[in-house]
N, C-alpha and C. Protein backbone atom coordinates (compact mmCIF):
# COMPACT_ATOMS: atom_id res chain seq x y z
N MET A 1 17.07 12.77 3.73
CA MET A 1 17.97 13.75 3.19
C MET A 1 18.18 13.43 1.71
N PRO A 2 17.97 14.38 0.84
CA PRO A 2 18.15 14.13 -0.59
C PRO A 2 19.61 13.78 -0.91
N LEU A 3 19.79 12.88 -1.85
CA LEU A 3 21.13 12.44 -2.20
C LEU A 3 21.93 13.52 -2.92
N ASN A 4 21.28 14.55 -3.47
CA ASN A 4 22.04 15.55 -4.20
C ASN A 4 22.93 16.39 -3.28
N PHE A 5 22.74 16.34 -1.95
CA PHE A 5 23.64 17.03 -1.03
C PHE A 5 24.99 16.32 -0.97
N PHE A 6 24.98 15.01 -1.14
CA PHE A 6 26.21 14.21 -1.08
C PHE A 6 26.27 13.32 -2.32
N PRO A 7 26.55 13.89 -3.47
CA PRO A 7 26.48 13.10 -4.71
C PRO A 7 27.55 11.99 -4.78
N ASN A 8 28.64 12.12 -4.06
CA ASN A 8 29.70 11.12 -4.13
C ASN A 8 29.71 10.19 -2.92
N ALA A 9 28.66 10.25 -2.12
CA ALA A 9 28.61 9.40 -0.93
C ALA A 9 28.46 7.94 -1.32
N ILE A 10 29.14 7.08 -0.58
CA ILE A 10 29.00 5.64 -0.76
C ILE A 10 28.52 5.04 0.55
N ARG A 11 27.78 3.96 0.43
CA ARG A 11 27.31 3.26 1.62
C ARG A 11 28.27 2.13 1.90
N VAL A 12 28.66 2.01 3.15
CA VAL A 12 29.60 0.98 3.57
C VAL A 12 28.97 0.18 4.70
N ALA A 13 28.90 -1.13 4.52
CA ALA A 13 28.37 -1.99 5.58
C ALA A 13 29.45 -2.16 6.65
N ASP A 14 29.05 -2.03 7.89
CA ASP A 14 29.98 -2.13 9.01
C ASP A 14 30.50 -3.55 9.15
N ARG A 15 31.81 -3.67 9.26
CA ARG A 15 32.47 -4.98 9.31
C ARG A 15 31.96 -5.83 10.48
N PHE A 16 31.78 -5.21 11.63
CA PHE A 16 31.31 -5.94 12.80
C PHE A 16 29.96 -6.61 12.54
N HIS A 17 29.03 -5.86 11.95
CA HIS A 17 27.70 -6.41 11.69
C HIS A 17 27.73 -7.45 10.59
N VAL A 18 28.57 -7.26 9.59
CA VAL A 18 28.69 -8.26 8.53
C VAL A 18 29.20 -9.56 9.11
N ASN A 19 30.24 -9.47 9.94
CA ASN A 19 30.78 -10.69 10.57
C ASN A 19 29.75 -11.37 11.46
N SER A 20 28.86 -10.59 12.05
CA SER A 20 27.87 -11.19 12.95
C SER A 20 26.93 -12.14 12.21
N TYR A 21 26.68 -11.90 10.92
CA TYR A 21 25.80 -12.80 10.17
C TYR A 21 26.43 -14.18 10.01
N ILE A 22 27.73 -14.23 9.72
CA ILE A 22 28.37 -15.54 9.58
C ILE A 22 28.55 -16.19 10.95
N MET A 23 28.73 -15.35 11.99
CA MET A 23 28.84 -15.90 13.35
C MET A 23 27.51 -16.50 13.79
N ASP A 24 26.41 -15.86 13.42
CA ASP A 24 25.10 -16.41 13.75
C ASP A 24 24.90 -17.77 13.07
N ALA A 25 25.31 -17.86 11.81
CA ALA A 25 25.19 -19.14 11.09
C ALA A 25 26.05 -20.20 11.76
N LEU A 26 27.25 -19.83 12.17
CA LEU A 26 28.14 -20.77 12.86
C LEU A 26 27.52 -21.26 14.16
N ASN A 27 26.92 -20.35 14.93
CA ASN A 27 26.29 -20.75 16.19
C ASN A 27 25.05 -21.61 15.97
N GLU A 28 24.32 -21.34 14.90
CA GLU A 28 23.17 -22.19 14.59
C GLU A 28 23.62 -23.61 14.22
N VAL A 29 24.69 -23.71 13.46
CA VAL A 29 25.24 -25.03 13.12
C VAL A 29 25.73 -25.73 14.38
N ARG A 30 26.39 -24.98 15.26
CA ARG A 30 26.88 -25.56 16.52
C ARG A 30 25.73 -26.13 17.33
N ARG A 31 24.63 -25.38 17.43
CA ARG A 31 23.47 -25.87 18.19
C ARG A 31 22.87 -27.12 17.55
N ARG A 32 22.79 -27.12 16.22
CA ARG A 32 22.24 -28.30 15.53
C ARG A 32 23.13 -29.51 15.73
N VAL A 33 24.43 -29.31 15.59
CA VAL A 33 25.39 -30.41 15.72
C VAL A 33 25.39 -30.96 17.14
N SER A 34 25.28 -30.07 18.12
CA SER A 34 25.35 -30.52 19.52
C SER A 34 24.23 -31.48 19.89
N LYS A 35 23.11 -31.39 19.20
CA LYS A 35 21.98 -32.30 19.49
C LYS A 35 22.30 -33.74 19.12
N GLU A 36 23.24 -33.91 18.18
CA GLU A 36 23.58 -35.26 17.69
C GLU A 36 24.79 -35.85 18.39
N LEU A 37 25.40 -35.13 19.33
CA LEU A 37 26.63 -35.57 19.97
C LEU A 37 26.35 -36.34 21.25
N SER A 38 27.38 -37.05 21.71
CA SER A 38 27.29 -37.72 23.01
C SER A 38 27.25 -36.66 24.11
N PRO A 39 26.78 -37.02 25.30
CA PRO A 39 26.71 -36.02 26.38
C PRO A 39 28.07 -35.38 26.70
N HIS A 40 29.13 -36.17 26.68
CA HIS A 40 30.47 -35.62 26.96
C HIS A 40 30.87 -34.61 25.88
N ALA A 41 30.69 -34.98 24.61
CA ALA A 41 31.05 -34.08 23.51
C ALA A 41 30.18 -32.83 23.53
N ARG A 42 28.91 -32.99 23.83
CA ARG A 42 28.00 -31.84 23.89
C ARG A 42 28.44 -30.86 24.97
N THR A 43 28.82 -31.38 26.12
CA THR A 43 29.30 -30.54 27.22
C THR A 43 30.59 -29.81 26.82
N ASN A 44 31.49 -30.54 26.18
CA ASN A 44 32.75 -29.95 25.74
C ASN A 44 32.50 -28.83 24.73
N LEU A 45 31.59 -29.06 23.81
CA LEU A 45 31.27 -28.05 22.80
C LEU A 45 30.63 -26.81 23.44
N ARG A 46 29.75 -27.04 24.40
CA ARG A 46 29.09 -25.91 25.06
C ARG A 46 30.08 -25.11 25.90
N ARG A 47 30.97 -25.79 26.62
CA ARG A 47 31.95 -25.10 27.47
C ARG A 47 32.94 -24.26 26.66
N ASN A 48 33.29 -24.73 25.48
CA ASN A 48 34.34 -24.08 24.69
C ASN A 48 33.82 -23.38 23.44
N LYS A 49 32.52 -23.10 23.40
CA LYS A 49 31.95 -22.48 22.21
C LYS A 49 32.56 -21.12 21.91
N HIS A 50 33.07 -20.44 22.93
CA HIS A 50 33.69 -19.13 22.72
C HIS A 50 34.90 -19.21 21.78
N LEU A 51 35.53 -20.38 21.69
CA LEU A 51 36.68 -20.54 20.79
C LEU A 51 36.27 -20.44 19.32
N LEU A 52 35.04 -20.81 19.03
CA LEU A 52 34.55 -20.72 17.65
C LEU A 52 34.39 -19.26 17.22
N ASN A 53 34.15 -18.39 18.18
CA ASN A 53 33.94 -16.98 17.86
C ASN A 53 35.24 -16.20 17.69
N LYS A 54 36.33 -16.74 18.21
CA LYS A 54 37.60 -16.02 18.14
C LYS A 54 38.27 -16.24 16.78
N ARG A 55 39.11 -15.26 16.43
CA ARG A 55 39.94 -15.41 15.24
C ARG A 55 40.96 -16.50 15.49
N ASN A 56 41.22 -17.30 14.48
CA ASN A 56 42.16 -18.40 14.62
C ASN A 56 43.55 -17.90 14.98
N ASP A 57 43.96 -16.78 14.41
CA ASP A 57 45.31 -16.27 14.68
C ASP A 57 45.45 -15.63 16.06
N SER A 58 44.36 -15.51 16.81
CA SER A 58 44.44 -14.96 18.17
C SER A 58 44.43 -16.05 19.24
N LEU A 59 44.35 -17.30 18.83
CA LEU A 59 44.31 -18.41 19.78
C LEU A 59 45.73 -18.86 20.14
N ASN A 60 45.93 -19.21 21.41
CA ASN A 60 47.21 -19.79 21.78
C ASN A 60 47.22 -21.27 21.41
N GLU A 61 48.31 -21.94 21.69
CA GLU A 61 48.48 -23.33 21.25
C GLU A 61 47.45 -24.26 21.88
N ILE A 62 47.19 -24.08 23.15
CA ILE A 62 46.21 -24.94 23.85
C ILE A 62 44.81 -24.70 23.29
N GLN A 63 44.46 -23.43 23.08
CA GLN A 63 43.15 -23.11 22.52
C GLN A 63 43.00 -23.66 21.10
N GLN A 64 44.06 -23.64 20.33
CA GLN A 64 43.99 -24.20 18.98
C GLN A 64 43.76 -25.70 19.01
N GLN A 65 44.36 -26.38 19.97
CA GLN A 65 44.11 -27.82 20.12
C GLN A 65 42.66 -28.08 20.51
N GLN A 66 42.15 -27.27 21.44
CA GLN A 66 40.74 -27.40 21.84
C GLN A 66 39.81 -27.13 20.67
N LEU A 67 40.14 -26.11 19.88
CA LEU A 67 39.33 -25.79 18.70
C LEU A 67 39.33 -26.94 17.71
N GLU A 68 40.49 -27.53 17.46
CA GLU A 68 40.57 -28.67 16.54
C GLU A 68 39.68 -29.81 17.01
N GLU A 69 39.64 -30.02 18.32
CA GLU A 69 38.78 -31.05 18.89
C GLU A 69 37.30 -30.72 18.64
N LEU A 70 36.94 -29.45 18.80
CA LEU A 70 35.54 -29.04 18.61
C LEU A 70 35.10 -29.20 17.16
N ILE A 71 35.90 -28.71 16.23
CA ILE A 71 35.46 -28.75 14.83
C ILE A 71 35.56 -30.16 14.25
N ALA A 72 36.23 -31.07 14.97
CA ALA A 72 36.28 -32.46 14.53
C ALA A 72 34.96 -33.18 14.79
N TYR A 73 34.08 -32.58 15.60
CA TYR A 73 32.80 -33.19 15.91
C TYR A 73 31.90 -33.28 14.68
N SER A 74 32.06 -32.37 13.73
CA SER A 74 31.17 -32.34 12.57
C SER A 74 31.85 -31.68 11.38
N PRO A 75 31.70 -32.26 10.19
CA PRO A 75 32.24 -31.60 9.00
C PRO A 75 31.57 -30.25 8.74
N ASP A 76 30.27 -30.15 9.05
CA ASP A 76 29.57 -28.88 8.86
C ASP A 76 30.16 -27.79 9.74
N LEU A 77 30.44 -28.12 10.98
CA LEU A 77 31.02 -27.16 11.92
C LEU A 77 32.40 -26.72 11.43
N LYS A 78 33.17 -27.66 10.96
CA LYS A 78 34.51 -27.34 10.45
C LYS A 78 34.42 -26.45 9.22
N ASP A 79 33.50 -26.76 8.32
CA ASP A 79 33.35 -25.98 7.08
C ASP A 79 32.90 -24.55 7.36
N VAL A 80 31.94 -24.39 8.26
CA VAL A 80 31.43 -23.04 8.56
C VAL A 80 32.49 -22.23 9.30
N TYR A 81 33.24 -22.88 10.20
CA TYR A 81 34.32 -22.18 10.87
C TYR A 81 35.36 -21.72 9.83
N SER A 82 35.67 -22.57 8.90
CA SER A 82 36.63 -22.21 7.84
C SER A 82 36.09 -21.06 6.99
N LEU A 83 34.80 -21.07 6.69
CA LEU A 83 34.18 -19.99 5.92
C LEU A 83 34.26 -18.67 6.69
N LYS A 84 34.05 -18.72 8.00
CA LYS A 84 34.16 -17.52 8.84
C LYS A 84 35.58 -16.96 8.78
N GLU A 85 36.56 -17.83 8.88
CA GLU A 85 37.97 -17.40 8.82
C GLU A 85 38.31 -16.84 7.44
N MET A 86 37.72 -17.40 6.41
CA MET A 86 37.96 -16.89 5.05
C MET A 86 37.40 -15.46 4.91
N LEU A 87 36.28 -15.18 5.54
CA LEU A 87 35.71 -13.83 5.49
C LEU A 87 36.63 -12.84 6.20
N ILE A 88 37.17 -13.25 7.33
CA ILE A 88 38.11 -12.38 8.06
C ILE A 88 39.34 -12.11 7.20
N ASP A 89 39.87 -13.16 6.57
CA ASP A 89 41.02 -12.98 5.68
C ASP A 89 40.68 -12.08 4.49
N TRP A 90 39.47 -12.21 3.97
CA TRP A 90 39.05 -11.36 2.85
C TRP A 90 39.08 -9.89 3.27
N TYR A 91 38.58 -9.60 4.46
CA TYR A 91 38.62 -8.22 4.95
C TYR A 91 40.05 -7.73 5.11
N ASP A 92 40.91 -8.56 5.67
CA ASP A 92 42.27 -8.12 5.98
C ASP A 92 43.20 -8.09 4.78
N LEU A 93 42.98 -8.97 3.81
CA LEU A 93 43.98 -9.15 2.76
C LEU A 93 43.60 -8.59 1.40
N SER A 94 42.38 -8.16 1.21
CA SER A 94 42.00 -7.55 -0.08
C SER A 94 42.66 -6.17 -0.16
N PHE A 95 43.44 -5.94 -1.19
CA PHE A 95 44.23 -4.71 -1.24
C PHE A 95 43.56 -3.58 -1.99
N ASN A 96 42.52 -3.86 -2.77
CA ASN A 96 41.76 -2.78 -3.41
C ASN A 96 40.34 -3.26 -3.68
N HIS A 97 39.52 -2.35 -4.19
CA HIS A 97 38.10 -2.65 -4.39
C HIS A 97 37.89 -3.76 -5.42
N GLN A 98 38.63 -3.73 -6.51
CA GLN A 98 38.44 -4.72 -7.57
C GLN A 98 38.81 -6.13 -7.09
N SER A 99 39.95 -6.26 -6.41
CA SER A 99 40.32 -7.58 -5.90
C SER A 99 39.35 -8.03 -4.82
N ALA A 100 38.83 -7.07 -4.06
CA ALA A 100 37.85 -7.40 -3.02
C ALA A 100 36.57 -7.96 -3.63
N LEU A 101 36.14 -7.38 -4.74
CA LEU A 101 34.93 -7.85 -5.41
C LEU A 101 35.11 -9.28 -5.92
N VAL A 102 36.25 -9.53 -6.53
CA VAL A 102 36.54 -10.88 -7.04
C VAL A 102 36.60 -11.88 -5.87
N GLY A 103 37.31 -11.50 -4.81
CA GLY A 103 37.43 -12.37 -3.64
C GLY A 103 36.10 -12.62 -2.96
N TYR A 104 35.27 -11.60 -2.92
CA TYR A 104 33.95 -11.74 -2.27
C TYR A 104 33.07 -12.71 -3.05
N LYS A 105 33.07 -12.58 -4.37
CA LYS A 105 32.28 -13.51 -5.18
C LYS A 105 32.78 -14.94 -5.03
N SER A 106 34.08 -15.10 -4.94
CA SER A 106 34.65 -16.43 -4.72
C SER A 106 34.24 -16.97 -3.35
N TRP A 107 34.23 -16.09 -2.34
CA TRP A 107 33.81 -16.50 -1.00
C TRP A 107 32.35 -16.94 -1.00
N LEU A 108 31.49 -16.17 -1.68
CA LEU A 108 30.07 -16.53 -1.78
C LEU A 108 29.90 -17.89 -2.46
N LYS A 109 30.67 -18.11 -3.50
CA LYS A 109 30.59 -19.38 -4.24
C LYS A 109 30.98 -20.55 -3.34
N LYS A 110 32.04 -20.37 -2.55
CA LYS A 110 32.46 -21.42 -1.62
C LYS A 110 31.40 -21.65 -0.56
N GLY A 111 30.76 -20.58 -0.11
CA GLY A 111 29.70 -20.72 0.88
C GLY A 111 28.51 -21.51 0.34
N HIS A 112 28.12 -21.22 -0.90
CA HIS A 112 27.01 -21.96 -1.51
C HIS A 112 27.38 -23.43 -1.74
N ALA A 113 28.65 -23.68 -2.05
CA ALA A 113 29.10 -25.05 -2.31
C ALA A 113 28.99 -25.92 -1.06
N LEU A 114 29.02 -25.32 0.11
CA LEU A 114 28.89 -26.10 1.35
C LEU A 114 27.51 -26.75 1.48
N ASN A 115 26.50 -26.08 0.92
CA ASN A 115 25.13 -26.60 0.94
C ASN A 115 24.65 -26.88 2.37
N ILE A 116 24.91 -25.93 3.24
CA ILE A 116 24.48 -26.01 4.64
C ILE A 116 23.34 -25.01 4.81
N PRO A 117 22.16 -25.46 5.27
CA PRO A 117 20.99 -24.57 5.33
C PRO A 117 21.22 -23.28 6.10
N GLU A 118 21.90 -23.34 7.24
CA GLU A 118 22.14 -22.14 8.04
C GLU A 118 23.02 -21.14 7.27
N VAL A 119 23.98 -21.65 6.54
CA VAL A 119 24.86 -20.79 5.75
C VAL A 119 24.10 -20.20 4.56
N GLU A 120 23.29 -21.01 3.91
CA GLU A 120 22.49 -20.52 2.78
C GLU A 120 21.59 -19.36 3.21
N ASN A 121 21.02 -19.49 4.40
CA ASN A 121 20.17 -18.43 4.92
C ASN A 121 20.97 -17.15 5.13
N ALA A 122 22.17 -17.26 5.69
CA ALA A 122 23.03 -16.09 5.93
C ALA A 122 23.51 -15.48 4.61
N LEU A 123 23.78 -16.32 3.63
CA LEU A 123 24.33 -15.82 2.36
C LEU A 123 23.32 -14.97 1.59
N LYS A 124 22.04 -15.13 1.87
CA LYS A 124 21.05 -14.26 1.24
C LYS A 124 21.32 -12.80 1.60
N THR A 125 21.61 -12.56 2.87
CA THR A 125 21.93 -11.20 3.31
C THR A 125 23.23 -10.73 2.68
N PHE A 126 24.22 -11.61 2.62
CA PHE A 126 25.50 -11.24 2.03
C PHE A 126 25.34 -10.87 0.55
N GLU A 127 24.45 -11.55 -0.14
CA GLU A 127 24.22 -11.23 -1.55
C GLU A 127 23.44 -9.92 -1.70
N ASN A 128 22.44 -9.71 -0.85
CA ASN A 128 21.65 -8.48 -0.93
C ASN A 128 22.48 -7.24 -0.64
N TRP A 129 23.49 -7.36 0.20
CA TRP A 129 24.31 -6.22 0.62
C TRP A 129 25.72 -6.26 0.03
N GLN A 130 25.87 -6.97 -1.07
CA GLN A 130 27.19 -7.16 -1.66
C GLN A 130 27.91 -5.84 -1.93
N THR A 131 27.23 -4.88 -2.56
CA THR A 131 27.86 -3.60 -2.91
C THR A 131 28.35 -2.88 -1.66
N GLU A 132 27.51 -2.81 -0.64
CA GLU A 132 27.87 -2.09 0.58
C GLU A 132 29.00 -2.80 1.34
N ILE A 133 29.01 -4.12 1.29
CA ILE A 133 30.07 -4.88 1.98
C ILE A 133 31.41 -4.68 1.27
N VAL A 134 31.39 -4.78 -0.05
CA VAL A 134 32.64 -4.62 -0.82
C VAL A 134 33.12 -3.17 -0.79
N ASN A 135 32.22 -2.22 -0.62
CA ASN A 135 32.61 -0.81 -0.54
C ASN A 135 33.54 -0.53 0.63
N TYR A 136 33.58 -1.41 1.60
CA TYR A 136 34.52 -1.26 2.71
C TYR A 136 35.95 -1.07 2.18
N HIS A 137 36.25 -1.70 1.07
CA HIS A 137 37.60 -1.65 0.53
C HIS A 137 37.87 -0.40 -0.30
N LEU A 138 36.89 0.48 -0.41
CA LEU A 138 37.14 1.78 -1.03
C LEU A 138 37.75 2.75 -0.03
N CYS A 139 37.32 2.67 1.23
CA CYS A 139 37.83 3.63 2.22
C CYS A 139 38.12 3.01 3.58
N ARG A 140 37.70 1.78 3.82
CA ARG A 140 37.92 1.06 5.07
C ARG A 140 37.42 1.81 6.31
N PHE A 141 36.31 2.50 6.16
CA PHE A 141 35.68 3.17 7.29
C PHE A 141 34.65 2.24 7.92
N THR A 142 34.49 2.37 9.21
CA THR A 142 33.39 1.69 9.89
C THR A 142 32.78 2.69 10.87
N ASN A 143 31.64 2.35 11.39
CA ASN A 143 31.02 3.20 12.39
C ASN A 143 31.26 2.64 13.79
N GLY A 144 32.30 1.84 13.94
CA GLY A 144 32.61 1.23 15.23
C GLY A 144 32.86 2.26 16.32
N ILE A 145 33.54 3.36 15.99
CA ILE A 145 33.82 4.39 16.98
C ILE A 145 32.52 5.02 17.48
N VAL A 146 31.63 5.32 16.54
CA VAL A 146 30.34 5.93 16.90
C VAL A 146 29.53 4.98 17.76
N GLU A 147 29.50 3.71 17.37
CA GLU A 147 28.73 2.74 18.15
C GLU A 147 29.32 2.54 19.54
N GLY A 148 30.64 2.58 19.64
CA GLY A 148 31.29 2.47 20.94
C GLY A 148 30.93 3.63 21.85
N ARG A 149 30.92 4.81 21.26
CA ARG A 149 30.56 5.99 22.06
C ARG A 149 29.09 5.96 22.46
N ASN A 150 28.23 5.51 21.56
CA ASN A 150 26.81 5.38 21.91
C ASN A 150 26.63 4.39 23.07
N ALA A 151 27.38 3.29 23.04
CA ALA A 151 27.29 2.31 24.13
C ALA A 151 27.74 2.92 25.45
N LYS A 152 28.80 3.74 25.39
CA LYS A 152 29.28 4.40 26.62
C LYS A 152 28.23 5.37 27.16
N ILE A 153 27.59 6.11 26.26
CA ILE A 153 26.57 7.07 26.70
C ILE A 153 25.37 6.34 27.30
N LYS A 154 24.95 5.23 26.69
CA LYS A 154 23.84 4.46 27.24
C LYS A 154 24.19 3.91 28.62
N SER A 155 25.42 3.45 28.76
CA SER A 155 25.87 2.95 30.05
C SER A 155 25.85 4.06 31.10
N LEU A 156 26.30 5.24 30.70
CA LEU A 156 26.28 6.40 31.60
C LEU A 156 24.84 6.74 32.00
N GLN A 157 23.92 6.68 31.06
CA GLN A 157 22.53 6.98 31.37
C GLN A 157 21.97 6.00 32.38
N ARG A 158 22.35 4.73 32.27
CA ARG A 158 21.86 3.74 33.23
C ARG A 158 22.45 3.98 34.62
N ARG A 159 23.72 4.38 34.67
CA ARG A 159 24.37 4.61 35.96
C ARG A 159 23.93 5.91 36.61
N ARG A 160 23.61 6.91 35.83
CA ARG A 160 23.30 8.26 36.35
C ARG A 160 21.86 8.65 36.02
N PHE A 161 20.93 7.76 36.29
CA PHE A 161 19.55 7.97 35.86
C PHE A 161 18.94 9.25 36.40
N PHE A 162 19.23 9.61 37.65
CA PHE A 162 18.58 10.78 38.25
C PHE A 162 19.48 12.01 38.31
N LEU A 163 20.45 12.10 37.43
CA LEU A 163 21.34 13.25 37.41
C LEU A 163 20.59 14.46 36.87
N ARG A 164 20.48 15.53 37.69
CA ARG A 164 19.65 16.68 37.29
C ARG A 164 20.44 17.81 36.64
N ASN A 165 21.72 17.91 36.91
CA ASN A 165 22.53 18.99 36.38
C ASN A 165 22.96 18.65 34.95
N ARG A 166 22.33 19.30 33.97
CA ARG A 166 22.56 18.99 32.57
C ARG A 166 24.01 19.27 32.15
N THR A 167 24.60 20.35 32.65
CA THR A 167 25.99 20.68 32.31
C THR A 167 26.93 19.59 32.81
N PHE A 168 26.71 19.15 34.02
CA PHE A 168 27.51 18.08 34.59
C PHE A 168 27.34 16.78 33.79
N TYR A 169 26.10 16.51 33.42
CA TYR A 169 25.79 15.32 32.62
C TYR A 169 26.50 15.38 31.26
N ASP A 170 26.45 16.54 30.58
CA ASP A 170 27.14 16.69 29.30
C ASP A 170 28.65 16.49 29.46
N ALA A 171 29.20 17.02 30.53
CA ALA A 171 30.63 16.86 30.77
C ALA A 171 30.99 15.39 30.98
N LEU A 172 30.13 14.66 31.71
CA LEU A 172 30.37 13.23 31.92
C LEU A 172 30.34 12.47 30.60
N ILE A 173 29.44 12.87 29.70
CA ILE A 173 29.39 12.23 28.38
C ILE A 173 30.70 12.46 27.64
N PHE A 174 31.18 13.69 27.68
CA PHE A 174 32.44 13.98 26.99
C PHE A 174 33.59 13.19 27.61
N ILE A 175 33.59 13.05 28.92
CA ILE A 175 34.65 12.27 29.57
C ILE A 175 34.56 10.81 29.15
N GLU A 176 33.36 10.26 29.14
CA GLU A 176 33.18 8.87 28.73
C GLU A 176 33.67 8.64 27.31
N CYS A 177 33.53 9.66 26.48
CA CYS A 177 33.94 9.55 25.08
C CYS A 177 35.35 10.06 24.86
N ASN A 178 36.13 10.18 25.95
CA ASN A 178 37.55 10.54 25.90
C ASN A 178 37.82 11.91 25.34
N ASN A 179 37.03 12.89 25.73
CA ASN A 179 37.27 14.26 25.31
C ASN A 179 38.00 14.98 26.44
N GLU A 180 39.27 15.34 26.21
CA GLU A 180 40.09 15.94 27.26
C GLU A 180 39.56 17.32 27.69
N LEU A 181 39.00 18.08 26.77
CA LEU A 181 38.47 19.39 27.11
C LEU A 181 37.33 19.26 28.12
N ALA A 182 36.49 18.26 27.94
CA ALA A 182 35.38 18.07 28.87
C ALA A 182 35.90 17.69 30.25
N SER A 183 36.95 16.91 30.30
CA SER A 183 37.53 16.55 31.58
C SER A 183 38.03 17.80 32.30
N TYR A 184 38.64 18.69 31.56
CA TYR A 184 39.11 19.95 32.12
C TYR A 184 37.93 20.78 32.65
N LYS A 185 36.83 20.85 31.87
CA LYS A 185 35.65 21.60 32.30
C LYS A 185 35.04 21.00 33.57
N LEU A 186 35.00 19.67 33.63
CA LEU A 186 34.44 19.01 34.80
C LEU A 186 35.27 19.32 36.04
N ASN A 187 36.58 19.34 35.91
CA ASN A 187 37.45 19.67 37.03
C ASN A 187 37.22 21.11 37.49
N LEU A 188 37.00 22.01 36.54
CA LEU A 188 36.71 23.40 36.89
C LEU A 188 35.39 23.50 37.65
N MET A 189 34.38 22.74 37.20
CA MET A 189 33.06 22.79 37.85
C MET A 189 33.15 22.24 39.26
N ALA A 190 33.96 21.21 39.45
CA ALA A 190 34.05 20.56 40.76
C ALA A 190 34.77 21.46 41.78
N SER A 191 35.64 22.33 41.29
CA SER A 191 36.41 23.15 42.24
C SER A 191 35.70 24.45 42.60
């Protein structure tokens, strides 16, 4: 589609996918660190790895203690977890595009200062998509709703593989995507 149809359009990188790059780096560091740990520590890290993926402010007191134990296994693990939390804070606390740009460059600089190979690899993507990532702070839109609805439709397709009535199938899609009108139509069809 030619850009002249939407001359003021901006590209915005989806927050979920951006966060997944730093999460991938964190999980790669976790796997590398676990190879150097004692069997007990390795088991503990593997059992509680889900705590590394959660936001720090969503953990209860017991989970925070467990997390502190996990990140104490390695300075690299602690640093990358801290970098992940800094990215979350950058998303939540940047109040406009200009401050977001300054904060993002500072975050990149801190990431490079860690000198961790897995992080360096992830930061290449963050640098290549800097404009699109920072553009989030121009309008704070994501495509999360669209992706959620696509996931619901795919799930419906797997559950209703041999559904032959197209009208009924369309109505089910609308119901899955929380469309009240479709629910009304489906009730009419059923009666």
